[in-house]
């Protein structure tokens, strides 16, 4: 039998059994890359491998960065294992006879297919934030009170912050459907392994500010905000260092970065609870919002207590806006509000000193 025919025969025999087969053939250090979303591509080295929709039973992987296509499990095994040629096919054949089908070849649900397509669409059309075509995105941040010409802010937004001229929007709340196309300010969201897992989107009005739609800030629907918070996902504005901080929301994090702080951004208040400082960290700074609900205050206190047990050698500091500046009825007061208010002459340097640092 020719090699091509043998490979086709083995592929058919192994269909739907690839997760079990690959776990035995491929070194465990690569299991994350080949079995979960956003694995590291063997060609370009970027964490952009994804399962091709409707090809799960064949275990077809593709890289959204360099377009490498591993169109079935044989190709995946060849790329990630030491076995090659007929020896590889023989091993797959043996294992295929040992395992039962665990992955059925089914049509991908419309919602999931759309979610994957949106992630890929943004990845393919994202424009660097400092490109001339991204002026609307920079203006939004500037209008929020962030100095986009600040060197710290520029460094933080490099390779994390992008602009997409047109992204579809769809929302159904209480039976009311809202849909359209809007410009989007997009931030890369990474998991704790440093892999790009989602995009955090801020839908913009083409003239100024956020788009007037329900929940103008949201991730791609592959993952909910709750899922991203639960797993400790973040926008990695900061750098791994002895002193690391974390804040809720990209705009607040960028405001703190403008003030010289090394800060990562979670997407929700509860994400702060799940964010883990790197092993090199000796001082961890928790920047909370002063929320009407008390959530922003609670999560930083809870995280402080948690780290005092898990990482007793790490010094942990809590920073909160002064309670006396909170206006009754407002949803929250954060450090972006404080910075913007200072620039407008509303707050003095003393307000920041009360929070524990100078500007």
Protein backbone atom coordinates (compact mmCIF):
# COMPACT_ATOMS: atom_id res chain seq x y z
CA UNK A 1 0.00 0.00 0.00
CA UNK A 2 1.33 3.45 -0.90
CA UNK A 3 2.11 5.91 1.88
CA UNK A 4 -0.76 8.19 0.76
CA UNK A 5 -3.29 5.36 0.84
CA UNK A 6 -1.94 4.12 4.17
CA UNK A 7 -2.21 7.61 5.68
CA UNK A 8 -5.81 7.94 4.43
CA UNK A 9 -6.72 4.55 5.88
CA UNK A 10 -5.20 5.40 9.26
CA UNK A 11 -6.90 8.80 9.29
CA UNK A 12 -10.29 7.21 8.71
CA UNK A 13 -9.65 4.63 11.43
CA UNK A 14 -8.61 7.29 13.96
CA UNK A 15 -11.45 9.73 13.26
CA UNK A 16 -13.06 10.84 16.52
CA UNK A 17 -10.35 9.19 18.63
CA UNK A 18 -7.60 11.80 18.27
CA UNK A 19 -7.54 13.25 21.82
CA UNK A 20 -6.70 9.84 23.29
CA UNK A 21 -4.26 8.96 20.50
CA UNK A 22 -2.37 12.25 20.59
CA UNK A 23 -1.96 12.10 24.38
CA UNK A 24 0.06 8.90 23.94
CA UNK A 25 2.11 9.97 20.92
CA UNK A 26 2.91 13.59 21.77
CA UNK A 27 5.10 14.69 24.67
CA UNK A 28 2.94 15.95 27.59
CA UNK A 29 4.56 19.40 27.39
CA UNK A 30 2.67 19.92 24.11
CA UNK A 31 -0.71 18.58 25.25
CA UNK A 32 -1.96 22.09 26.06
CA UNK A 33 -1.06 23.27 22.56
CA UNK A 34 -2.83 20.51 20.66
CA UNK A 35 -5.84 19.86 22.88
CA UNK A 36 -6.99 23.31 24.03
CA UNK A 37 -7.70 26.64 22.29
CA UNK A 38 -4.84 28.99 21.38
CA UNK A 39 -2.00 26.50 21.43
CA UNK A 40 1.49 27.48 20.27
CA UNK A 41 1.96 27.04 16.52
CA UNK A 42 4.93 24.75 15.64
CA UNK A 43 5.69 26.96 12.64
CA UNK A 44 5.60 30.58 13.85
CA UNK A 45 5.69 30.00 17.62
CA UNK A 46 2.66 32.19 18.28
CA UNK A 47 -0.20 31.07 20.60
CA UNK A 48 -2.76 31.14 17.81
CA UNK A 49 -3.70 27.52 17.01
CA UNK A 50 -7.42 26.83 16.94
CA UNK A 51 -9.65 23.88 16.09
CA UNK A 52 -11.16 24.27 12.63
CA UNK A 53 -14.97 24.41 13.03
CA UNK A 54 -16.76 21.23 11.91
CA UNK A 55 -13.42 19.38 11.76
CA UNK A 56 -13.19 18.37 15.42
CA UNK A 57 -13.36 14.63 14.70
CA UNK A 58 -10.37 14.97 12.35
CA UNK A 59 -8.58 17.17 14.91
CA UNK A 60 -7.79 19.78 12.26
CA UNK A 61 -5.82 22.73 13.66
CA UNK A 62 -5.00 26.05 12.02
CA UNK A 63 -2.89 29.05 13.02
CA UNK A 64 -4.61 32.39 12.66
CA UNK A 65 -1.23 34.15 12.70
CA UNK A 66 0.75 32.40 9.94
CA UNK A 67 -2.08 30.34 8.38
CA UNK A 68 -0.33 27.01 8.99
CA UNK A 69 -2.88 24.22 8.48
CA UNK A 70 -2.61 20.86 10.23
CA UNK A 71 -5.67 19.46 8.52
CA UNK A 72 -5.95 16.19 10.44
CA UNK A 73 -4.56 14.33 13.44
CA UNK A 74 -1.80 12.70 11.40
CA UNK A 75 -0.42 16.14 10.52
CA UNK A 76 -0.73 17.25 14.14
CA UNK A 77 1.13 14.17 15.38
CA UNK A 78 3.81 14.64 12.72
CA UNK A 79 4.35 18.26 13.78
CA UNK A 80 4.50 17.61 17.53
CA UNK A 81 6.02 14.13 17.96
CA UNK A 82 9.36 12.43 17.30
CA UNK A 83 7.80 9.66 15.20
CA UNK A 84 7.71 10.17 11.43
CA UNK A 85 6.58 8.43 8.28
CA UNK A 86 5.29 4.86 8.40
CA UNK A 87 6.43 4.40 12.01
CA UNK A 88 4.07 7.18 12.99
CA UNK A 89 1.20 5.74 10.96
CA UNK A 90 1.77 2.30 12.46
CA UNK A 91 1.63 3.70 15.99
CA UNK A 92 -1.57 5.64 15.24
CA UNK A 93 -3.12 2.50 13.74
CA UNK A 94 -2.33 0.50 16.88
CA UNK A 95 -3.79 3.13 19.17
CA UNK A 96 -6.87 3.66 16.99
CA UNK A 97 -7.80 0.01 17.44
CA UNK A 98 -7.45 0.45 21.19
CA UNK A 99 -9.71 3.48 21.73
CA UNK A 100 -13.39 4.21 21.13
CA UNK A 101 -14.73 7.29 19.36
CA UNK A 102 -14.90 10.22 21.80
CA UNK A 103 -15.49 13.14 19.41
CA UNK A 104 -18.49 13.01 17.11
CA UNK A 105 -18.39 14.89 13.81
CA UNK A 106 -21.26 17.30 14.34
CA UNK A 107 -22.25 20.61 12.87
CA UNK A 108 -21.01 23.50 14.97
CA UNK A 109 -23.87 25.40 16.67
CA UNK A 110 -24.53 28.74 15.00
CA UNK A 111 -23.66 30.70 18.15
CA UNK A 112 -20.30 29.01 18.56
CA UNK A 113 -19.50 29.28 14.86
CA UNK A 114 -20.29 33.01 14.97
CA UNK A 115 -18.15 33.48 18.08
CA UNK A 116 -15.16 31.83 16.44
CA UNK A 117 -15.64 33.84 13.27
CA UNK A 118 -15.81 37.10 15.21
CA UNK A 119 -12.58 36.34 17.07
CA UNK A 120 -10.87 35.51 13.77
CA UNK A 121 -12.38 38.55 12.05
CA UNK A 122 -11.04 40.94 14.69
CA UNK A 123 -7.64 39.20 14.64
CA UNK A 124 -7.46 39.59 10.86
CA UNK A 125 -8.63 43.22 10.76
CA UNK A 126 -7.09 44.71 13.90
CA UNK A 127 -5.03 47.85 13.25
CA UNK A 128 -2.25 48.96 15.62
CA UNK A 129 -3.58 51.69 17.88
CA UNK A 130 -0.92 54.19 16.77
CA UNK A 131 -1.70 53.75 13.08
CA UNK A 132 -3.26 56.87 11.51
CA UNK A 133 -6.41 54.85 10.82
CA UNK A 134 -6.89 54.31 14.57
CA UNK A 135 -7.44 58.00 15.40
CA UNK A 136 -10.99 57.40 16.66
CA UNK A 137 -9.76 54.84 19.18
CA UNK A 138 -7.07 57.17 20.50
CA UNK A 139 -9.57 60.01 20.73
CA UNK A 140 -11.89 57.87 22.85
CA UNK A 141 -9.08 57.16 25.33
CA UNK A 142 -8.01 60.79 25.32
CA UNK A 143 -11.58 61.94 25.97
CA UNK A 144 -11.70 59.56 28.93
CA UNK A 145 -8.77 61.48 30.44
CA UNK A 146 -5.80 59.30 29.41
CA UNK A 147 -2.69 60.96 27.96
CA UNK A 148 -2.10 58.83 24.86
CA UNK A 149 1.24 60.59 24.29
CA UNK A 150 2.58 59.50 27.66
CA UNK A 151 5.56 57.18 27.17
CA UNK A 152 4.32 54.66 29.74
CA UNK A 153 0.90 54.51 28.07
CA UNK A 154 2.45 54.12 24.62
CA UNK A 155 4.57 51.18 25.81
CA UNK A 156 1.59 49.53 27.52
CA UNK A 157 -0.66 49.76 24.47
CA UNK A 158 1.94 48.40 22.06
CA UNK A 159 0.80 44.92 20.93
CA UNK A 160 -2.17 44.95 23.33
CA UNK A 161 -4.45 47.67 21.96
CA UNK A 162 -5.97 47.82 18.49
CA UNK A 163 -8.68 49.47 16.42
CA UNK A 164 -11.12 47.76 14.07
CA UNK A 165 -13.10 50.05 11.72
CA UNK A 166 -16.24 47.88 11.56
CA UNK A 167 -17.47 45.07 13.80
CA UNK A 168 -21.00 43.65 13.86
CA UNK A 169 -23.04 44.17 17.01
CA UNK A 170 -25.98 42.07 18.14
CA UNK A 171 -27.81 42.10 21.44
CA UNK A 172 -31.14 40.78 22.63
CA UNK A 173 -32.22 42.09 26.01
CA UNK A 174 -35.76 41.69 27.33
CA UNK A 175 -36.90 40.76 23.86
CA UNK A 176 -35.46 43.93 22.31
CA UNK A 177 -32.97 43.30 19.50
CA UNK A 178 -30.18 45.81 18.85
CA UNK A 179 -27.88 45.28 15.89
CA UNK A 180 -25.60 47.21 13.59
CA UNK A 181 -21.93 47.82 12.77
CA UNK A 182 -19.61 50.02 14.79
CA UNK A 183 -15.92 50.88 15.11
CA UNK A 184 -14.28 48.96 17.95
CA UNK A 185 -11.39 49.60 20.32
CA UNK A 186 -10.05 46.07 20.89
CA UNK A 187 -7.72 44.81 23.64
CA UNK A 188 -6.03 41.42 23.59
CA UNK A 189 -7.07 39.20 26.49
CA UNK A 190 -4.59 36.57 27.68
CA UNK A 191 -4.94 33.57 29.95
CA UNK A 192 -2.56 32.74 32.80
CA UNK A 193 -0.32 30.81 30.38
CA UNK A 194 0.27 33.92 28.28
CA UNK A 195 -1.94 32.81 25.41
CA UNK A 196 -4.23 35.16 23.49
CA UNK A 197 -7.67 33.81 24.36
CA UNK A 198 -10.15 36.59 23.55
CA UNK A 199 -10.69 40.21 22.52
CA UNK A 200 -12.17 42.80 24.87
CA UNK A 201 -14.22 45.18 22.74
CA UNK A 202 -15.41 48.72 23.32
CA UNK A 203 -17.95 49.61 20.65
CA UNK A 204 -17.50 53.26 19.66
CA UNK A 205 -19.78 55.92 18.28
CA UNK A 206 -18.36 57.01 14.89
CA UNK A 207 -18.43 60.62 16.10
CA UNK A 208 -17.48 60.50 19.78
CA UNK A 209 -17.60 58.28 22.85
CA UNK A 210 -19.06 54.81 23.28
CA UNK A 211 -21.72 53.47 20.95
CA UNK A 212 -25.22 53.93 22.36
CA UNK A 213 -25.95 50.22 22.63
CA UNK A 214 -26.54 47.80 25.53
CA UNK A 215 -23.24 46.67 27.06
CA UNK A 216 -20.92 48.55 24.72
CA UNK A 217 -18.01 46.85 26.49
CA UNK A 218 -17.86 43.07 26.02
CA UNK A 219 -15.67 40.17 24.93
CA UNK A 220 -16.09 37.93 21.92
CA UNK A 221 -18.88 35.46 22.80
CA UNK A 222 -16.49 32.51 22.85
CA UNK A 223 -16.12 33.35 26.56
CA UNK A 224 -18.36 35.32 28.92
CA UNK A 225 -17.06 37.98 31.29
CA UNK A 226 -17.76 35.57 34.13
CA UNK A 227 -15.66 32.83 32.54
CA UNK A 228 -12.77 35.21 31.93
CA UNK A 229 -12.95 36.48 35.51
CA UNK A 230 -13.10 32.96 36.90
CA UNK A 231 -9.93 31.97 35.03
CA UNK A 232 -8.01 35.15 35.90
CA UNK A 233 -7.70 36.37 32.31
CA UNK A 234 -6.21 39.83 31.83
CA UNK A 235 -5.02 42.48 29.41
CA UNK A 236 -1.22 42.39 29.90
CA UNK A 237 -0.40 46.10 29.88
CA UNK A 238 2.18 45.53 32.59
CA UNK A 239 5.48 43.67 32.62
CA UNK A 240 6.68 40.86 34.86
CA UNK A 241 8.69 42.57 37.59
CA UNK A 242 9.25 42.62 41.34
CA UNK A 243 6.42 45.15 41.68
CA UNK A 244 3.16 44.35 39.88
CA UNK A 245 -0.30 45.87 40.16
CA UNK A 246 -3.78 44.95 38.98
CA UNK A 247 -6.89 47.06 38.34
CA UNK A 248 -10.36 46.54 36.93
CA UNK A 249 -10.84 47.66 33.33
CA UNK A 250 -8.38 48.80 30.66
CA UNK A 251 -9.08 52.52 31.01
CA UNK A 252 -8.45 52.51 34.77
CA UNK A 253 -5.29 50.44 34.30
CA UNK A 254 -3.99 52.87 31.65
CA UNK A 255 -4.66 55.81 33.98
CA UNK A 256 -2.51 54.16 36.64
CA UNK A 257 0.16 53.35 34.06
CA UNK A 258 0.21 57.03 33.10
CA UNK A 259 1.00 57.70 36.77
CA UNK A 260 4.01 55.39 36.55
CA UNK A 261 2.50 52.19 37.93
CA UNK A 262 3.13 48.72 36.48
CA UNK A 263 -0.44 47.47 36.12
CA UNK A 264 -2.31 44.60 34.47
CA UNK A 265 -6.03 44.93 33.71
CA UNK A 266 -8.73 42.44 34.62
CA UNK A 267 -12.12 42.71 32.92
CA UNK A 268 -14.31 42.62 36.02
CA UNK A 269 -13.91 43.31 39.72
CA UNK A 270 -14.09 39.59 40.46
CA UNK A 271 -11.25 39.02 38.01
CA UNK A 272 -8.94 40.66 40.57
CA UNK A 273 -9.66 37.78 42.95
CA UNK A 274 -8.47 35.27 40.35
CA UNK A 275 -5.47 37.18 39.04
CA UNK A 276 -2.21 35.63 40.22
CA UNK A 277 0.94 37.77 40.48
CA UNK A 278 3.98 36.27 38.70
CA UNK A 279 6.53 34.26 40.65
CA UNK A 280 9.07 37.09 40.43
CA UNK A 281 6.68 39.47 42.23
CA UNK A 282 7.75 40.72 45.66
CA UNK A 283 5.27 43.59 45.97
CA UNK A 284 1.70 43.31 44.72
CA UNK A 285 -0.50 46.40 44.39
CA UNK A 286 -4.30 46.05 44.38
CA UNK A 287 -6.15 49.01 42.87
CA UNK A 288 -9.86 48.82 43.68
CA UNK A 289 -12.83 50.89 42.59
CA UNK A 290 -14.97 52.54 45.23
CA UNK A 291 -18.27 50.92 44.21
CA UNK A 292 -21.76 51.71 45.42
CA UNK A 293 -22.31 47.94 45.64
CA UNK A 294 -19.12 47.47 47.66
CA UNK A 295 -17.76 44.91 45.17
CA UNK A 296 -14.63 46.88 44.26
CA UNK A 297 -13.66 47.30 47.90
CA UNK A 298 -14.47 43.71 48.82
CA UNK A 299 -12.39 42.02 46.10
CA UNK A 300 -9.15 43.79 46.99
CA UNK A 301 -9.57 43.00 50.69
CA UNK A 302 -10.37 39.36 49.89
CA UNK A 303 -7.38 39.09 47.54
CA UNK A 304 -5.10 40.62 50.17
CA UNK A 305 -6.23 38.02 52.72
CA UNK A 306 -5.84 35.20 50.20
CA UNK A 307 -2.28 36.18 49.26
CA UNK A 308 -1.24 36.60 52.88
CA UNK A 309 -1.82 32.84 53.20
CA UNK A 310 -0.70 31.62 49.77
CA UNK A 311 2.23 34.02 49.21
CA UNK A 312 3.26 35.28 52.67
CA UNK A 313 6.59 36.60 51.36
CA UNK A 314 4.85 38.98 48.94
CA UNK A 315 4.09 42.46 50.31
CA UNK A 316 0.52 43.39 49.33
CA UNK A 317 -0.81 46.96 49.28
CA UNK A 318 -4.40 48.10 48.74
CA UNK A 319 -5.25 51.38 47.03
CA UNK A 320 -8.78 52.83 46.94
CA UNK A 321 -10.08 56.29 45.97
CA UNK A 322 -10.95 58.39 49.06
CA UNK A 323 -14.46 57.62 50.30
CA UNK A 324 -15.25 61.30 50.82
CA UNK A 325 -14.94 61.96 47.07
CA UNK A 326 -17.57 59.39 46.20
CA UNK A 327 -20.81 61.05 45.08
CA UNK A 328 -23.96 59.37 46.38
CA UNK A 329 -25.94 57.76 43.60
CA UNK A 330 -22.95 57.23 41.32
CA UNK A 331 -22.15 53.64 40.36
CA UNK A 332 -18.48 53.92 41.30
CA UNK A 333 -15.38 56.07 41.63
CA UNK A 334 -12.14 54.74 40.14
CA UNK A 335 -8.61 55.97 39.57
CA UNK A 336 -9.42 57.09 36.05
CA UNK A 337 -12.10 59.38 37.50
CA UNK A 338 -9.53 60.66 39.98
CA UNK A 339 -6.89 61.34 37.31
CA UNK A 340 -9.38 62.98 34.95
CA UNK A 341 -10.77 65.08 37.80
CA UNK A 342 -7.28 66.22 38.74
CA UNK A 343 -6.57 67.31 35.15
CA UNK A 344 -9.81 69.28 35.13
CA UNK A 345 -8.91 71.00 38.41
CA UNK A 346 -11.58 69.13 40.36
CA UNK A 347 -9.18 67.17 42.59
CA UNK A 348 -5.79 68.17 44.00
CA UNK A 349 -2.54 66.27 44.38
CA UNK A 350 -3.56 65.78 48.01
CA UNK A 351 -6.30 63.38 46.89
CA UNK A 352 -3.69 61.07 45.40
CA UNK A 353 -1.50 61.32 48.48
CA UNK A 354 -4.46 60.09 50.48
CA UNK A 355 -4.54 57.03 48.22
CA UNK A 356 -0.92 56.27 49.06
CA UNK A 357 1.12 57.61 46.14
CA UNK A 358 2.35 60.82 44.58
CA UNK A 359 1.89 62.20 41.07
